[in-house]
Protein backbone atom coordinates (compact mmCIF):
# COMPACT_ATOMS: atom_id res chain seq x y z
CA MET A 1 28.33 172.61 41.45
CA ALA A 2 31.14 171.54 39.19
CA ALA A 3 32.20 174.33 36.86
CA GLU A 4 31.87 173.55 33.17
CA LYS A 5 35.29 173.24 31.59
CA LYS A 6 36.09 175.30 28.56
CA GLN A 7 38.44 173.39 26.31
CA ILE A 8 40.96 175.32 24.25
CA LEU A 9 40.75 173.86 20.77
CA THR A 10 44.06 172.86 19.18
CA VAL A 11 44.81 170.75 16.08
CA LYS A 12 45.76 167.87 18.35
CA ASN A 13 42.64 167.74 20.48
CA ILE A 14 40.35 168.21 17.48
CA ARG A 15 42.15 165.26 15.93
CA ASN A 16 41.71 163.35 19.15
CA VAL A 17 38.00 164.03 19.30
CA ASN A 18 37.60 162.88 15.65
CA THR A 19 39.59 159.73 16.41
CA GLU A 20 37.53 158.96 19.50
CA ASN A 21 34.25 159.51 17.63
CA ILE A 22 35.38 157.26 14.75
CA LEU A 23 36.42 154.50 17.17
CA GLN A 24 33.07 154.77 18.99
CA SER A 25 31.23 154.51 15.63
CA ILE A 26 33.14 151.42 14.61
CA ILE A 27 32.64 149.73 18.00
CA ARG A 28 28.92 150.57 17.93
CA ASN A 29 28.32 149.37 14.37
CA ARG A 30 30.81 146.43 14.48
CA ASN A 31 31.94 147.38 10.95
CA THR A 32 31.24 150.39 8.80
CA THR A 33 32.51 152.31 5.70
CA ARG A 34 34.47 155.54 5.51
CA SER A 35 31.54 157.35 4.01
CA ILE A 36 29.22 156.34 6.86
CA LEU A 37 31.83 157.46 9.36
CA ALA A 38 31.99 160.90 7.68
CA LYS A 39 28.16 161.23 7.73
CA GLU A 40 27.77 159.97 11.34
CA ASN A 41 30.42 162.24 12.72
CA ASN A 42 29.79 165.28 10.53
CA ILE A 43 33.34 165.44 9.18
CA SER A 44 34.91 165.29 5.75
CA LEU A 45 35.96 162.15 3.95
CA MET A 46 39.53 163.45 3.91
CA THR A 47 39.46 163.79 7.75
CA VAL A 48 38.17 160.23 7.96
CA LYS A 49 40.91 159.04 5.62
CA HIS A 50 43.69 160.59 7.69
CA VAL A 51 42.37 159.19 11.01
CA VAL A 52 41.54 155.78 9.64
CA ASP A 53 44.86 155.37 7.78
CA ASP A 54 46.74 156.12 10.99
CA LEU A 55 44.58 153.67 13.06
CA ILE A 56 45.18 150.96 10.47
CA ALA A 57 48.95 151.65 10.43
CA ALA A 58 48.98 151.45 14.26
CA GLY A 59 47.19 148.05 14.15
CA PHE A 60 43.95 149.12 15.76
CA LEU A 61 41.76 148.81 12.62
CA VAL A 62 41.58 146.50 9.65
CA GLU A 63 39.86 147.10 6.30
CA LYS A 64 38.16 144.22 4.51
CA GLU A 65 36.04 143.61 1.41
CA SER A 66 32.33 143.63 2.25
CA ALA A 67 30.31 140.60 1.16
CA ASN A 68 26.99 142.49 1.44
CA ALA A 69 26.81 144.36 -1.84
CA ASP A 70 24.11 143.06 -4.24
CA VAL A 71 25.67 144.27 -7.47
CA GLY A 72 28.95 145.91 -8.56
CA ARG A 73 32.08 146.30 -6.60
CA ASN A 74 31.91 145.38 -2.94
CA PRO A 75 32.71 148.38 -0.72
CA LYS A 76 35.45 148.12 1.91
CA VAL A 77 34.42 147.97 5.55
CA LEU A 78 36.34 148.89 8.66
CA GLU A 79 36.41 146.98 11.87
CA LEU A 80 38.58 146.65 14.96
CA ALA A 81 41.57 144.37 14.66
CA GLU A 82 40.78 140.96 16.15
CA ASP A 83 43.26 141.54 18.99
CA TYR A 84 40.95 144.16 20.53
CA GLY A 85 39.91 143.57 23.07
CA ASN A 86 38.54 142.61 26.45
CA ILE A 87 37.75 144.53 29.63
CA VAL A 88 37.77 143.07 33.16
CA CYS A 89 35.40 144.43 35.83
CA VAL A 90 36.35 143.45 39.39
CA ASN A 91 33.77 143.98 42.16
CA LEU A 92 35.37 144.72 45.57
CA THR A 93 32.25 146.09 47.27
CA SER A 94 31.68 143.17 49.63
CA GLU A 95 33.63 141.79 52.61
CA ASP A 96 32.21 138.37 51.88
CA GLU A 97 33.17 137.83 48.21
CA ILE A 98 35.15 139.12 45.27
CA SER A 99 33.50 138.75 41.86
CA PHE A 100 34.68 139.65 38.37
CA LEU A 101 33.28 139.73 34.86
CA ILE A 102 35.16 139.75 31.58
CA TYR A 103 33.55 141.40 28.57
CA ASP A 104 34.62 141.75 24.97
CA ILE A 105 34.88 145.23 23.59
CA HIS A 106 31.18 145.18 22.49
CA GLN A 107 30.04 144.33 26.10
CA ASN A 108 29.37 140.67 25.41
CA LEU A 109 29.89 138.78 28.66
CA LEU A 110 32.70 136.25 28.23
CA THR A 111 32.96 134.96 31.82
CA GLU A 112 31.74 135.64 35.30
CA LYS A 113 33.18 134.22 38.50
CA SER A 114 32.76 134.84 42.31
CA LEU A 115 35.15 133.86 45.13
CA ILE A 116 33.85 133.58 48.69
CA LEU A 117 36.25 135.14 51.22
CA SER A 118 37.22 133.60 54.50
CA GLY A 119 37.86 136.95 56.17
CA LYS A 120 41.35 135.96 57.39
CA ASP A 121 43.74 137.92 55.08
CA TYR A 122 42.01 140.22 52.58
CA LYS A 123 45.12 141.09 50.57
CA ALA A 124 46.05 137.38 50.13
CA GLU A 125 42.53 136.60 49.03
CA LEU A 126 42.51 139.57 46.64
CA LEU A 127 45.77 138.30 45.08
CA ALA A 128 44.17 134.83 44.76
CA ALA A 129 41.27 136.50 42.90
CA VAL A 130 43.74 138.24 40.65
CA ARG A 131 45.37 134.90 39.82
CA LYS A 132 41.94 133.51 38.95
CA VAL A 133 41.33 136.44 36.65
CA LYS A 134 44.64 135.78 34.89
CA GLU A 135 43.71 132.12 34.48
CA GLU A 136 40.47 133.11 32.73
CA LEU A 137 42.28 135.63 30.55
CA ALA A 138 44.72 133.01 29.42
CA GLY A 139 41.86 131.30 27.58
CA ILE A 140 40.74 134.49 25.83
CA ALA A 141 42.46 135.38 22.61
CA THR A 142 41.99 139.13 22.74
CA GLU A 143 44.18 141.70 24.49
CA THR A 144 43.04 143.14 27.80
CA VAL A 145 42.58 146.86 27.22
CA GLY A 146 41.32 147.96 30.59
CA ILE A 147 40.42 146.89 34.10
CA ALA A 148 37.65 148.49 36.15
CA VAL A 149 37.84 148.00 39.89
CA PHE A 150 34.55 148.65 41.64
CA VAL A 151 35.12 149.89 45.23
CA PRO A 152 32.61 150.72 48.05
CA GLY A 153 33.78 154.28 48.82
CA ALA A 154 35.53 157.38 47.59
CA TYR A 155 39.01 156.93 45.96
CA ASP A 156 41.89 159.35 46.42
CA SER A 157 43.93 158.98 43.23
CA GLU A 158 46.86 160.96 44.55
CA GLU A 159 47.24 158.66 47.58
CA ASP A 160 45.98 155.59 45.67
CA GLN A 161 43.74 154.95 48.69
CA VAL A 162 40.13 153.82 48.99
CA ASN A 163 37.93 154.96 51.86
CA TYR A 164 38.17 151.97 54.24
CA ASP A 165 35.04 152.49 56.34
CA LEU A 166 33.31 149.32 54.98
CA ILE A 167 36.42 147.16 54.34
CA PRO A 168 39.17 148.01 56.90
CA ALA A 169 41.78 146.07 54.87
CA PHE A 170 41.74 148.83 52.18
CA LYS A 171 43.74 150.98 54.67
CA GLN A 172 46.85 148.89 53.88
CA LEU A 173 46.20 148.59 50.10
CA HIS A 174 47.09 150.71 47.08
CA ILE A 175 44.64 149.20 44.65
CA ARG A 176 45.76 150.90 41.41
CA ALA A 177 49.44 150.05 42.00
CA LEU A 178 48.50 146.42 42.80
CA PHE A 179 46.48 145.98 39.58
CA GLU A 180 49.09 147.84 37.44
CA ASN A 181 51.87 145.57 38.74
CA GLU A 182 49.82 142.40 38.30
CA PHE A 183 48.50 143.10 34.78
CA GLY A 184 51.12 145.46 33.32
CA ILE A 185 48.58 147.96 31.84
CA LYS A 186 47.91 151.60 32.66
CA ASN A 187 44.16 151.71 32.01
CA ILE A 188 43.14 150.76 35.51
CA GLN A 189 39.93 152.60 36.57
CA ILE A 190 39.20 152.65 40.34
CA LEU A 191 35.51 153.52 40.43
CA HIS A 192 33.32 154.41 43.35
CA ASP A 193 30.44 151.90 43.18
CA VAL A 194 27.81 154.60 43.60
CA PHE A 195 29.27 156.76 40.85
CA ALA A 196 29.42 153.88 38.40
CA ALA A 197 25.81 152.99 39.09
CA ALA A 198 24.74 156.62 38.95
CA ARG A 199 26.51 157.09 35.58
CA SER A 200 24.80 154.04 34.13
CA GLU A 201 21.32 155.24 35.27
CA TYR A 202 22.01 158.77 33.92
CA ASP A 203 23.14 157.48 30.52
CA SER A 204 19.97 155.46 30.14
CA LEU A 205 17.66 158.41 29.79
CA ASN A 206 18.24 161.71 27.98
CA PRO A 207 21.91 162.40 28.90
CA GLU A 208 23.12 165.97 28.61
CA MET A 209 19.56 167.34 28.99
CA GLU A 210 18.64 166.34 32.52
CA SER A 211 20.10 166.32 36.06
CA GLN A 212 19.86 163.31 38.38
CA PHE A 213 20.46 162.60 42.02
CA TYR A 214 21.20 158.84 42.49
CA PHE A 215 20.54 157.54 46.03
CA TYR A 216 21.84 154.15 47.07
CA CYS A 217 20.79 152.45 50.26
CA GLY A 218 22.09 148.94 50.89
CA TYR A 219 24.79 147.79 53.30
CA GLY A 220 26.34 151.20 52.61
CA VAL A 221 24.60 154.51 51.79
CA GLY A 222 25.71 156.88 49.08
CA GLY A 223 24.61 159.22 46.37
CA TYR A 224 25.75 161.10 43.30
CA PHE A 225 24.55 164.23 41.53
CA ILE A 226 25.07 164.48 37.73
CA HIS A 227 24.24 167.71 35.95
CA LYS A 228 24.54 168.29 32.18
CA ASN A 229 26.65 165.14 31.91
CA GLU A 230 29.06 166.26 34.64
CA ALA A 231 29.36 164.36 37.97
CA VAL A 232 29.76 166.62 40.99
CA GLU A 233 32.54 165.02 42.98
CA GLY A 234 33.69 167.87 45.27
CA SER A 235 37.19 169.14 46.03
CA GLY A 236 38.16 165.88 47.82
CA ASN A 237 36.05 163.47 45.73
CA MET A 238 33.75 162.98 48.75
CA ALA A 239 30.54 164.54 47.35
CA GLY A 240 28.87 161.10 47.03
CA GLU A 241 29.25 160.18 50.69
CA VAL A 242 25.71 161.17 51.76
CA GLY A 243 25.71 158.20 54.21
CA LYS A 244 28.08 160.28 56.39
CA MET A 245 25.43 163.04 56.90
CA LEU A 246 24.54 163.65 60.53
CA VAL A 247 20.82 163.13 61.17
CA SER A 248 18.47 162.39 64.06
CA MET A 249 15.78 159.78 64.06
CA ASP A 250 12.70 159.06 66.14
CA GLY A 251 13.64 156.81 69.04
CA TYR A 252 17.31 157.93 69.13
CA GLY A 253 16.81 160.79 71.54
CA GLU A 254 18.69 163.99 70.93
CA ASN A 255 21.82 162.23 69.66
CA TYR A 256 22.92 162.70 66.06
CA VAL A 257 24.18 159.70 64.12
CA THR A 258 25.16 159.21 60.51
CA LEU A 259 22.53 158.44 57.94
CA GLU A 260 24.22 155.05 57.23
CA GLU A 261 24.01 154.05 60.91
CA ILE A 262 20.24 154.18 60.88
CA VAL A 263 18.97 153.42 57.36
CA SER A 264 21.45 150.85 55.94
CA ILE A 265 20.41 147.23 55.77
CA SER A 266 22.95 146.48 58.51
CA ALA A 267 21.41 149.15 60.73
CA VAL A 268 17.87 147.86 60.13
CA LYS A 269 18.98 144.35 60.95
CA LYS A 270 20.42 145.66 64.22
CA ARG A 271 17.12 147.33 64.93
CA MET A 272 15.31 144.10 64.25
CA GLN A 273 17.53 142.36 66.86
CA GLU A 274 16.64 145.06 69.43
CA PHE A 275 12.94 144.26 68.82
CA GLY A 276 13.63 140.53 69.14
CA LEU A 277 12.61 139.84 65.55
CA ASP A 278 14.61 136.82 64.29
CA ILE A 279 13.79 136.87 60.55
CA SER A 280 15.57 137.90 57.35
CA PHE A 281 15.58 141.50 56.02
CA THR A 282 13.57 140.31 52.94
CA GLU A 283 10.95 138.78 55.30
CA LEU A 284 10.77 142.03 57.20
CA LEU A 285 9.99 143.89 53.94
CA SER A 286 7.23 141.36 53.21
CA LEU A 287 5.73 141.85 56.65
CA HIS A 288 5.85 145.61 56.22
CA GLN A 289 4.06 145.27 52.92
CA ALA A 290 1.43 143.15 54.69
CA GLU A 291 1.03 146.07 57.17
CA ASP A 292 2.33 144.07 60.13
CA PRO A 293 2.44 146.43 63.17
CA LEU A 294 5.88 145.36 64.41
CA ALA A 295 7.43 145.66 60.91
CA ALA A 296 5.85 149.10 60.65
CA GLU A 297 7.27 150.11 63.99
CA ILE A 298 10.72 149.16 62.84
CA MET A 299 10.60 150.55 59.30
CA THR A 300 8.49 153.73 59.59
CA PRO A 301 11.12 155.81 61.33
CA VAL A 302 13.78 154.57 58.85
CA LEU A 303 11.65 155.45 55.83
CA ASN A 304 10.64 158.79 57.29
CA THR A 305 14.31 159.66 57.81
CA ILE A 306 15.23 158.74 54.28
CA SER A 307 12.33 160.77 52.83
CA ARG A 308 13.35 163.83 54.87
CA VAL A 309 16.92 163.56 53.61
CA LEU A 310 15.85 163.09 49.99
CA TYR A 311 13.51 166.10 50.34
CA ASN A 312 16.39 168.24 51.66
CA LEU A 313 18.59 167.02 48.82
CA LEU A 314 15.92 168.22 46.34
CA TRP A 315 16.38 171.78 47.64
CA VAL A 316 20.18 171.50 47.56
CA TYR A 317 20.54 170.03 44.03
CA ASN A 318 17.10 170.63 42.40
CA PRO A 319 17.49 167.53 40.13
CA THR A 320 15.13 166.58 37.28
CA ARG A 321 14.87 163.12 38.83
CA ILE A 322 15.90 161.04 41.83
CA VAL A 323 16.85 157.42 41.27
CA VAL A 324 16.67 155.07 44.27
CA ASP A 325 18.78 151.93 44.30
CA SER A 326 19.68 149.08 46.65
CA CYS A 327 21.12 145.63 46.60
CA ARG A 328 17.62 144.53 47.68
CA ASP A 329 15.00 145.49 45.08
CA GLY A 330 12.27 145.40 47.71
CA TYR A 331 14.06 148.05 49.73
CA SER A 332 14.60 150.43 46.79
CA ASN A 333 10.96 150.02 45.78
CA LEU A 334 9.73 150.62 49.34
CA ILE A 335 11.86 153.82 49.70
CA THR A 336 10.65 155.05 46.25
CA GLU A 337 6.98 154.61 47.12
CA HIS A 338 7.35 156.06 50.57
CA PHE A 339 9.09 159.18 49.15
CA ARG A 340 6.45 159.62 46.49
CA THR A 341 3.83 159.59 49.22
CA PHE A 342 5.85 162.02 51.28
CA MET A 343 6.13 164.36 48.30
CA GLU A 344 2.38 164.25 47.77
CA LYS A 345 1.95 165.54 51.37
CA MET A 346 4.45 168.31 50.72
CA LYS A 347 2.97 169.58 47.46
CA ASN A 348 0.94 172.29 49.19
CA ASP A 349 4.09 174.04 50.38
CA ALA A 350 4.24 177.76 49.55
CA ILE A 351 7.06 177.02 47.09
CA PRO A 352 6.61 173.38 46.01
CA ILE A 353 9.50 171.49 44.45
CA TYR A 354 9.16 168.58 42.02
CA ALA A 355 11.28 165.73 40.71
CA GLU A 356 10.53 162.45 39.01
CA THR A 357 11.26 159.64 41.47
CA ARG A 358 11.89 156.12 40.31
CA ALA A 359 13.64 152.92 41.37
CA ALA A 360 16.90 152.09 39.48
CA LYS A 361 16.50 150.62 36.03
CA TYR A 362 19.59 148.39 36.12
CA ASP A 363 20.87 145.70 38.46
CA GLU A 364 24.11 147.65 38.41
CA TYR A 365 25.82 145.61 41.11
CA HIS A 366 25.62 142.53 38.92
CA MET A 367 26.22 143.87 35.42
CA MET A 368 28.56 146.77 36.28
CA ARG A 369 27.59 148.62 33.09
CA GLY A 370 28.88 151.93 34.27
CA CYS A 371 32.34 150.51 35.02
CA PHE A 372 32.60 148.83 31.62
CA TYR A 373 31.62 151.95 29.62
CA MET A 374 33.94 154.31 31.58
CA THR A 375 36.89 151.88 31.16
CA ARG A 376 36.16 151.38 27.47
CA ASN A 377 35.96 155.14 26.97
CA ALA A 378 39.27 155.55 28.78
CA TRP A 379 40.89 153.08 26.38
CA ILE A 380 39.40 154.89 23.40
CA GLU A 381 40.83 158.22 24.70
CA GLU A 382 44.18 156.60 25.35
CA THR A 383 44.19 155.10 21.85
CA ALA A 384 43.32 158.42 20.25
CA ASP A 385 46.09 160.17 22.16
CA SER A 386 48.69 157.62 21.09
CA ILE A 387 48.06 158.20 17.40
CA GLN A 388 50.42 160.93 16.19
């Protein structure tokens, strides 16, 4: 488990925390007064004055007369300068398309585009997508304050390298360097898709108080454990790669294969071909729900394997809840229900273990909420650190 970091308090980092909290309050409320900022953040008016004056002098905030007072003198309100800002979220999790979303600083969606890939030259098509992002940004008046790049595997920041199991072209690419050169900003967040989704799910319910294991099973398989608001990434940032676990499954003999090779959507489709079933994955799920014998023969070993893995992970991490997600809602719902049934059968163990199990709340792979919030927070931290 990740050790909790003890921060040594200094005048500078206390000031940074106050600055970050004030910026968060202003973004959350759209506009607010100095007295409200003091009350919300439990700091003195004098502290608010020092921070706010510096943010105004640096051009991040403006102070205006309020038009909302009923009688007497209108109080002054603070809001972000109109230049700030927009955040771009780029989704590189598919071999078939590159999509991007542009949000304003309050997470209002400004534009959304997808580009279908030919599969001939990934880097050339990625650069074409970057040009399309720039064209869209040219029509937006605000400054770009951060770019989140959503990738389908672990990211090594020292090597600037993404795990290239799913998209082999990543082996030749240094994603952060490419985006920094193209956009000329430093706030480039390269985010493991599973971590971003896990973060969004965790923040949706009682953050800080609970622990969560997030399990994703789509064309790739991954997971993330978050405990007391800290993500457990491991020494090599590989802790979320549960799809690489070696497992055995009924019908595969004594050979061990990776979890991803037998429970991902791609693996199930391959199994369907072996059974001579020429239908879509969604149709297979519908047949399984209708208790079709052939669908059950294909899916039961897959679901049993997932349930065993999740049960073992309960003993490893002991989370408050398990969240199951997929790019196919029907698959995540099926896994969730199967695991709940499995846990019912296991409740008579000598030492039973419990966890809330639910399907994911958000369509994370469309909205990319986790990416947006982490990138905005990084900009807020960067802004606070720049104020002397």
